[in-house]
Amino acid sequence: MKRTLIVICLLVGLSVAHQASAQCSICTKTAQQLGHKPAKGLNSGIIYLMIAPLAIIGFVGYRWFRGGGAEPGHDQMN
């Protein structure tokens, strides 16, 4: 059940990310002055630069989630 929910959330997130605009208000104003094609390139560059930090956060979250239980025989209070 949990695995199915994660897969569904991932698929929905990926389908929405394709349509998302990754620009702040200042970048949007600058991109509008540049034209349509450079604006798409700027948006793609912003999304590309977001991949590394999100992947690191995802990896740390996954490791935290998978290693959440205490090992048997170890005392939590040292």
PDB file of N, CA and C in Angstrom:
ATOM      1  N   MET A   1       0.826  -1.194   0.000  1.00  0.00           N
ATOM      2  CA  MET A   1       0.000   0.000   0.000  1.00  0.00           C
ATOM      3  C   MET A   1       0.868   1.255   0.000  1.00  0.00           C
ATOM      4  N   LYS A   2       1.875   1.264   0.882  1.00  0.00           N
ATOM      5  CA  LYS A   2       2.744   2.436   0.986  1.00  0.00           C
ATOM      6  C   LYS A   2       3.533   2.642  -0.304  1.00  0.00           C
ATOM      7  N   ARG A   3       3.993   1.541  -0.889  1.00  0.00           N
ATOM      8  CA  ARG A   3       4.765   1.629  -2.125  1.00  0.00           C
ATOM      9  C   ARG A   3       3.906   2.168  -3.274  1.00  0.00           C
ATOM     10  N   THR A   4       2.665   1.733  -3.343  1.00  0.00           N
ATOM     11  CA  THR A   4       1.745   2.212  -4.370  1.00  0.00           C
ATOM     12  C   THR A   4       1.492   3.706  -4.222  1.00  0.00           C
ATOM     13  N   LEU A   5       1.326   4.167  -3.000  1.00  0.00           N
ATOM     14  CA  LEU A   5       1.103   5.589  -2.749  1.00  0.00           C
ATOM     15  C   LEU A   5       2.316   6.416  -3.169  1.00  0.00           C
ATOM     16  N   ILE A   6       3.507   5.918  -2.888  1.00  0.00           N
ATOM     17  CA  ILE A   6       4.729   6.631  -3.277  1.00  0.00           C
ATOM     18  C   ILE A   6       4.842   6.710  -4.796  1.00  0.00           C
ATOM     19  N   VAL A   7       4.546   5.617  -5.476  1.00  0.00           N
ATOM     20  CA  VAL A   7       4.622   5.602  -6.936  1.00  0.00           C
ATOM     21  C   VAL A   7       3.603   6.563  -7.538  1.00  0.00           C
ATOM     22  N   ILE A   8       2.398   6.583  -7.011  1.00  0.00           N
ATOM     23  CA  ILE A   8       1.369   7.500  -7.510  1.00  0.00           C
ATOM     24  C   ILE A   8       1.790   8.951  -7.293  1.00  0.00           C
ATOM     25  N   CYS A   9       2.307   9.274  -6.114  1.00  0.00           N
ATOM     26  CA  CYS A   9       2.763  10.638  -5.834  1.00  0.00           C
ATOM     27  C   CYS A   9       3.904  11.036  -6.762  1.00  0.00           C
ATOM     28  N   LEU A  10       4.821  10.114  -7.026  1.00  0.00           N
ATOM     29  CA  LEU A  10       5.933  10.392  -7.924  1.00  0.00           C
ATOM     30  C   LEU A  10       5.441  10.661  -9.345  1.00  0.00           C
ATOM     31  N   LEU A  11       4.517   9.849  -9.832  1.00  0.00           N
ATOM     32  CA  LEU A  11       3.985  10.051 -11.180  1.00  0.00           C
ATOM     33  C   LEU A  11       3.225  11.368 -11.309  1.00  0.00           C
ATOM     34  N   VAL A  12       2.439  11.705 -10.297  1.00  0.00           N
ATOM     35  CA  VAL A  12       1.708  12.978 -10.328  1.00  0.00           C
ATOM     36  C   VAL A  12       2.693  14.144 -10.288  1.00  0.00           C
ATOM     37  N   GLY A  13       3.701  14.026  -9.447  1.00  0.00           N
ATOM     38  CA  GLY A  13       4.701  15.089  -9.353  1.00  0.00           C
ATOM     39  C   GLY A  13       5.454  15.297 -10.648  1.00  0.00           C
ATOM     40  N   LEU A  14       5.803  14.210 -11.316  1.00  0.00           N
ATOM     41  CA  LEU A  14       6.508  14.335 -12.588  1.00  0.00           C
ATOM     42  C   LEU A  14       5.625  14.911 -13.680  1.00  0.00           C
ATOM     43  N   SER A  15       4.353  14.572 -13.682  1.00  0.00           N
ATOM     44  CA  SER A  15       3.456  15.112 -14.700  1.00  0.00           C
ATOM     45  C   SER A  15       3.206  16.603 -14.485  1.00  0.00           C
ATOM     46  N   VAL A  16       3.179  17.049 -13.244  1.00  0.00           N
ATOM     47  CA  VAL A  16       2.973  18.464 -12.944  1.00  0.00           C
ATOM     48  C   VAL A  16       4.253  19.254 -13.188  1.00  0.00           C
ATOM     49  N   ALA A  17       5.409  18.643 -12.926  1.00  0.00           N
ATOM     50  CA  ALA A  17       6.686  19.344 -13.079  1.00  0.00           C
ATOM     51  C   ALA A  17       6.945  19.730 -14.530  1.00  0.00           C
ATOM     52  N   HIS A  18       6.421  18.970 -15.456  1.00  0.00           N
ATOM     53  CA  HIS A  18       6.616  19.287 -16.870  1.00  0.00           C
ATOM     54  C   HIS A  18       5.960  20.615 -17.230  1.00  0.00           C
ATOM     55  N   GLN A  19       4.862  20.952 -16.580  1.00  0.00           N
ATOM     56  CA  GLN A  19       4.130  22.167 -16.886  1.00  0.00           C
ATOM     57  C   GLN A  19       4.518  23.332 -15.981  1.00  0.00           C
ATOM     58  N   ALA A  20       5.349  23.082 -14.975  1.00  0.00           N
ATOM     59  CA  ALA A  20       5.661  24.101 -13.977  1.00  0.00           C
ATOM     60  C   ALA A  20       6.589  25.167 -14.537  1.00  0.00           C
ATOM     61  N   SER A  21       6.429  26.348 -14.046  1.00  0.00           N
ATOM     62  CA  SER A  21       7.315  27.459 -14.364  1.00  0.00           C
ATOM     63  C   SER A  21       8.197  27.702 -13.148  1.00  0.00           C
ATOM     64  N   ALA A  22       9.501  27.664 -13.344  1.00  0.00           N
ATOM     65  CA  ALA A  22      10.428  27.727 -12.223  1.00  0.00           C
ATOM     66  C   ALA A  22      11.040  29.121 -12.061  1.00  0.00           C
ATOM     67  N   GLN A  23      10.316  30.152 -12.427  1.00  0.00           N
ATOM     68  CA  GLN A  23      10.881  31.487 -12.386  1.00  0.00           C
ATOM     69  C   GLN A  23      10.263  32.329 -11.285  1.00  0.00           C
ATOM     70  N   CYS A  24      11.132  33.103 -10.625  1.00  0.00           N
ATOM     71  CA  CYS A  24      10.637  34.085  -9.666  1.00  0.00           C
ATOM     72  C   CYS A  24      10.141  35.305 -10.457  1.00  0.00           C
ATOM     73  N   SER A  25       9.612  36.264  -9.772  1.00  0.00           N
ATOM     74  CA  SER A  25       9.041  37.421 -10.467  1.00  0.00           C
ATOM     75  C   SER A  25      10.107  38.230 -11.210  1.00  0.00           C
ATOM     76  N   ILE A  26      11.290  38.337 -10.664  1.00  0.00           N
ATOM     77  CA  ILE A  26      12.356  39.103 -11.331  1.00  0.00           C
ATOM     78  C   ILE A  26      12.815  38.373 -12.592  1.00  0.00           C
ATOM     79  N   CYS A  27      12.981  37.042 -12.489  1.00  0.00           N
ATOM     80  CA  CYS A  27      13.394  36.260 -13.659  1.00  0.00           C
ATOM     81  C   CYS A  27      12.319  36.285 -14.743  1.00  0.00           C
ATOM     82  N   THR A  28      11.055  36.269 -14.343  1.00  0.00           N
ATOM     83  CA  THR A  28       9.961  36.321 -15.308  1.00  0.00           C
ATOM     84  C   THR A  28       9.984  37.631 -16.072  1.00  0.00           C
ATOM     85  N   LYS A  29      10.193  38.726 -15.367  1.00  0.00           N
ATOM     86  CA  LYS A  29      10.232  40.040 -16.021  1.00  0.00           C
ATOM     87  C   LYS A  29      11.416  40.123 -16.988  1.00  0.00           C
ATOM     88  N   THR A  30      12.567  39.612 -16.582  1.00  0.00           N
ATOM     89  CA  THR A  30      13.738  39.607 -17.451  1.00  0.00           C
ATOM     90  C   THR A  30      13.496  38.725 -18.667  1.00  0.00           C
ATOM     91  N   ALA A  31      12.898  37.562 -18.447  1.00  0.00           N
ATOM     92  CA  ALA A  31      12.641  36.637 -19.554  1.00  0.00           C
ATOM     93  C   ALA A  31      11.639  37.223 -20.546  1.00  0.00           C
ATOM     94  N   GLN A  32      10.659  37.978 -20.069  1.00  0.00           N
ATOM     95  CA  GLN A  32       9.696  38.599 -20.969  1.00  0.00           C
ATOM     96  C   GLN A  32      10.371  39.617 -21.874  1.00  0.00           C
ATOM     97  N   GLN A  33      11.388  40.283 -21.367  1.00  0.00           N
ATOM     98  CA  GLN A  33      12.106  41.268 -22.178  1.00  0.00           C
ATOM     99  C   GLN A  33      13.001  40.590 -23.217  1.00  0.00           C
ATOM    100  N   LEU A  34      13.442  39.342 -22.920  1.00  0.00           N
ATOM    101  CA  LEU A  34      14.329  38.641 -23.840  1.00  0.00           C
ATOM    102  C   LEU A  34      13.582  38.051 -25.035  1.00  0.00           C
ATOM    103  N   GLY A  35      12.379  37.610 -24.819  1.00  0.00           N
ATOM    104  CA  GLY A  35      11.609  36.955 -25.871  1.00  0.00           C
ATOM    105  C   GLY A  35      11.217  35.555 -25.457  1.00  0.00           C
ATOM    106  N   HIS A  36      10.498  34.864 -26.348  1.00  0.00           N
ATOM    107  CA  HIS A  36       9.932  33.547 -26.001  1.00  0.00           C
ATOM    108  C   HIS A  36      10.999  32.459 -25.908  1.00  0.00           C
ATOM    109  N   LYS A  37      11.854  32.338 -26.916  1.00  0.00           N
ATOM    110  CA  LYS A  37      12.831  31.246 -26.936  1.00  0.00           C
ATOM    111  C   LYS A  37      13.865  31.375 -25.812  1.00  0.00           C
ATOM    112  N   PRO A  38      14.460  32.543 -25.573  1.00  0.00           N
ATOM    113  CA  PRO A  38      15.381  32.659 -24.438  1.00  0.00           C
ATOM    114  C   PRO A  38      14.693  32.444 -23.085  1.00  0.00           C
ATOM    115  N   ALA A  39      13.411  32.804 -22.998  1.00  0.00           N
ATOM    116  CA  ALA A  39      12.675  32.595 -21.747  1.00  0.00           C
ATOM    117  C   ALA A  39      12.519  31.108 -21.463  1.00  0.00           C
ATOM    118  N   LYS A  40      12.246  30.309 -22.497  1.00  0.00           N
ATOM    119  CA  LYS A  40      12.152  28.863 -22.311  1.00  0.00           C
ATOM    120  C   LYS A  40      13.501  28.290 -21.902  1.00  0.00           C
ATOM    121  N   GLY A  41      14.575  28.807 -22.495  1.00  0.00           N
ATOM    122  CA  GLY A  41      15.920  28.345 -22.134  1.00  0.00           C
ATOM    123  C   GLY A  41      16.270  28.689 -20.691  1.00  0.00           C
ATOM    124  N   LEU A  42      15.884  29.894 -20.255  1.00  0.00           N
ATOM    125  CA  LEU A  42      16.130  30.310 -18.875  1.00  0.00           C
ATOM    126  C   LEU A  42      15.352  29.422 -17.908  1.00  0.00           C
ATOM    127  N   ASN A  43      14.109  29.137 -18.221  1.00  0.00           N
ATOM    128  CA  ASN A  43      13.286  28.279 -17.375  1.00  0.00           C
ATOM    129  C   ASN A  43      13.871  26.860 -17.306  1.00  0.00           C
ATOM    130  N   SER A  44      14.320  26.333 -18.428  1.00  0.00           N
ATOM    131  CA  SER A  44      14.928  24.997 -18.442  1.00  0.00           C
ATOM    132  C   SER A  44      16.217  24.981 -17.623  1.00  0.00           C
ATOM    133  N   GLY A  45      16.998  26.051 -17.704  1.00  0.00           N
ATOM    134  CA  GLY A  45      18.227  26.138 -16.914  1.00  0.00           C
ATOM    135  C   GLY A  45      17.951  26.170 -15.425  1.00  0.00           C
ATOM    136  N   ILE A  46      16.918  26.882 -15.018  1.00  0.00           N
ATOM    137  CA  ILE A  46      16.552  26.946 -13.597  1.00  0.00           C
ATOM    138  C   ILE A  46      16.126  25.571 -13.106  1.00  0.00           C
ATOM    139  N   ILE A  47      15.327  24.875 -13.891  1.00  0.00           N
ATOM    140  CA  ILE A  47      14.897  23.524 -13.502  1.00  0.00           C
ATOM    141  C   ILE A  47      16.094  22.580 -13.455  1.00  0.00           C
ATOM    142  N   TYR A  48      17.001  22.688 -14.403  1.00  0.00           N
ATOM    143  CA  TYR A  48      18.204  21.856 -14.425  1.00  0.00           C
ATOM    144  C   TYR A  48      19.047  22.079 -13.167  1.00  0.00           C
ATOM    145  N   LEU A  49      19.199  23.318 -12.744  1.00  0.00           N
ATOM    146  CA  LEU A  49      19.986  23.620 -11.550  1.00  0.00           C
ATOM    147  C   LEU A  49      19.297  23.180 -10.265  1.00  0.00           C
ATOM    148  N   MET A  50      17.975  22.986 -10.299  1.00  0.00           N
ATOM    149  CA  MET A  50      17.247  22.522  -9.112  1.00  0.00           C
ATOM    150  C   MET A  50      17.405  21.021  -8.892  1.00  0.00           C
ATOM    151  N   ILE A  51      17.808  20.278  -9.902  1.00  0.00           N
ATOM    152  CA  ILE A  51      17.862  18.821  -9.803  1.00  0.00           C
ATOM    153  C   ILE A  51      18.854  18.352  -8.745  1.00  0.00           C
ATOM    154  N   ALA A  52      20.068  18.904  -8.702  1.00  0.00           N
ATOM    155  CA  ALA A  52      21.089  18.428  -7.767  1.00  0.00           C
ATOM    156  C   ALA A  52      20.674  18.611  -6.301  1.00  0.00           C
ATOM    157  N   PRO A  53      20.244  19.815  -5.864  1.00  0.00           N
ATOM    158  CA  PRO A  53      19.838  19.934  -4.456  1.00  0.00           C
ATOM    159  C   PRO A  53      18.646  19.052  -4.103  1.00  0.00           C
ATOM    160  N   LEU A  54      17.682  18.925  -5.000  1.00  0.00           N
ATOM    161  CA  LEU A  54      16.527  18.081  -4.718  1.00  0.00           C
ATOM    162  C   LEU A  54      16.917  16.611  -4.650  1.00  0.00           C
ATOM    163  N   ALA A  55      17.871  16.193  -5.482  1.00  0.00           N
ATOM    164  CA  ALA A  55      18.333  14.805  -5.432  1.00  0.00           C
ATOM    165  C   ALA A  55      19.058  14.527  -4.118  1.00  0.00           C
ATOM    166  N   ILE A  56      19.859  15.478  -3.648  1.00  0.00           N
ATOM    167  CA  ILE A  56      20.562  15.306  -2.377  1.00  0.00           C
ATOM    168  C   ILE A  56      19.566  15.232  -1.222  1.00  0.00           C
ATOM    169  N   ILE A  57      18.592  16.126  -1.220  1.00  0.00           N
ATOM    170  CA  ILE A  57      17.574  16.118  -0.164  1.00  0.00           C
ATOM    171  C   ILE A  57      16.788  14.807  -0.206  1.00  0.00           C
ATOM    172  N   GLY A  58      16.455  14.341  -1.401  1.00  0.00           N
ATOM    173  CA  GLY A  58      15.738  13.077  -1.541  1.00  0.00           C
ATOM    174  C   GLY A  58      16.554  11.899  -1.032  1.00  0.00           C
ATOM    175  N   PHE A  59      17.852  11.890  -1.332  1.00  0.00           N
ATOM    176  CA  PHE A  59      18.721  10.807  -0.879  1.00  0.00           C
ATOM    177  C   PHE A  59      18.842  10.800   0.640  1.00  0.00           C
ATOM    178  N   VAL A  60      19.057  11.966   1.229  1.00  0.00           N
ATOM    179  CA  VAL A  60      19.154  12.058   2.687  1.00  0.00           C
ATOM    180  C   VAL A  60      17.837  11.654   3.336  1.00  0.00           C
ATOM    181  N   GLY A  61      16.724  12.090   2.777  1.00  0.00           N
ATOM    182  CA  GLY A  61      15.420  11.710   3.312  1.00  0.00           C
ATOM    183  C   GLY A  61      15.175  10.214   3.211  1.00  0.00           C
ATOM    184  N   TYR A  62      15.581   9.633   2.097  1.00  0.00           N
ATOM    185  CA  TYR A  62      15.418   8.188   1.927  1.00  0.00           C
ATOM    186  C   TYR A  62      16.261   7.430   2.950  1.00  0.00           C
ATOM    187  N   ARG A  63      17.522   7.837   3.118  1.00  0.00           N
ATOM    188  CA  ARG A  63      18.398   7.170   4.094  1.00  0.00           C
ATOM    189  C   ARG A  63      17.854   7.326   5.509  1.00  0.00           C
ATOM    190  N   TRP A  64      17.315   8.483   5.800  1.00  0.00           N
ATOM    191  CA  TRP A  64      16.747   8.734   7.120  1.00  0.00           C
ATOM    192  C   TRP A  64      15.516   7.847   7.337  1.00  0.00           C
ATOM    193  N   PHE A  65      14.681   7.759   6.306  1.00  0.00           N
ATOM    194  CA  PHE A  65      13.464   6.952   6.383  1.00  0.00           C
ATOM    195  C   PHE A  65      13.804   5.466   6.541  1.00  0.00           C
ATOM    196  N   ARG A  66      14.763   4.973   5.763  1.00  0.00           N
ATOM    197  CA  ARG A  66      15.121   3.556   5.800  1.00  0.00           C
ATOM    198  C   ARG A  66      15.891   3.190   7.063  1.00  0.00           C
ATOM    199  N   GLY A  67      16.653   4.099   7.631  1.00  0.00           N
ATOM    200  CA  GLY A  67      17.449   3.802   8.812  1.00  0.00           C
ATOM    201  C   GLY A  67      16.842   4.360  10.077  1.00  0.00           C
ATOM    202  N   GLY A  68      15.543   4.552  10.106  1.00  0.00           N
ATOM    203  CA  GLY A  68      14.866   5.196  11.230  1.00  0.00           C
ATOM    204  C   GLY A  68      14.827   4.381  12.500  1.00  0.00           C
ATOM    205  N   GLY A  69      14.849   3.068  12.399  1.00  0.00           N
ATOM    206  CA  GLY A  69      14.749   2.232  13.591  1.00  0.00           C
ATOM    207  C   GLY A  69      16.086   2.095  14.292  1.00  0.00           C
ATOM    208  N   ALA A  70      16.051   1.945  15.607  1.00  0.00           N
ATOM    209  CA  ALA A  70      17.277   1.734  16.360  1.00  0.00           C
ATOM    210  C   ALA A  70      17.735   0.296  16.189  1.00  0.00           C
ATOM    211  N   GLU A  71      19.035   0.107  16.194  1.00  0.00           N
ATOM    212  CA  GLU A  71      19.575  -1.246  16.085  1.00  0.00           C
ATOM    213  C   GLU A  71      19.380  -1.986  17.387  1.00  0.00           C
ATOM    214  N   PRO A  72      19.075  -3.276  17.313  1.00  0.00           N
ATOM    215  CA  PRO A  72      18.888  -4.045  18.548  1.00  0.00           C
ATOM    216  C   PRO A  72      20.180  -4.110  19.363  1.00  0.00           C
ATOM    217  N   GLY A  73      20.041  -3.978  20.657  1.00  0.00           N
ATOM    218  CA  GLY A  73      21.200  -4.062  21.530  1.00  0.00           C
ATOM    219  C   GLY A  73      21.883  -2.739  21.785  1.00  0.00           C
ATOM    220  N   HIS A  74      21.458  -1.679  21.119  1.00  0.00           N
ATOM    221  CA  HIS A  74      22.057  -0.374  21.354  1.00  0.00           C
ATOM    222  C   HIS A  74      21.116   0.458  22.205  1.00  0.00           C
ATOM    223  N   ASP A  75      21.693   1.111  23.181  1.00  0.00           N
ATOM    224  CA  ASP A  75      20.912   1.951  24.098  1.00  0.00           C
ATOM    225  C   ASP A  75      20.803   3.352  23.502  1.00  0.00           C
ATOM    226  N   GLN A  76      19.624   3.914  23.489  1.00  0.00           N
ATOM    227  CA  GLN A  76      19.411   5.255  22.948  1.00  0.00           C
ATOM    228  C   GLN A  76      19.993   6.333  23.855  1.00  0.00           C
ATOM    229  N   MET A  77      19.984   6.110  25.158  1.00  0.00           N
ATOM    230  CA  MET A  77      20.462   7.103  26.122  1.00  0.00           C
ATOM    231  C   MET A  77      21.890   6.773  26.510  1.00  0.00           C
ATOM    232  N   ASN A  78      22.849   7.518  25.999  1.00  0.00           N
ATOM    233  CA  ASN A  78      24.263   7.294  26.364  1.00  0.00           C
ATOM    234  C   ASN A  78      24.759   8.420  27.199  1.00  0.00           C
TER     235      ASN A  78
END
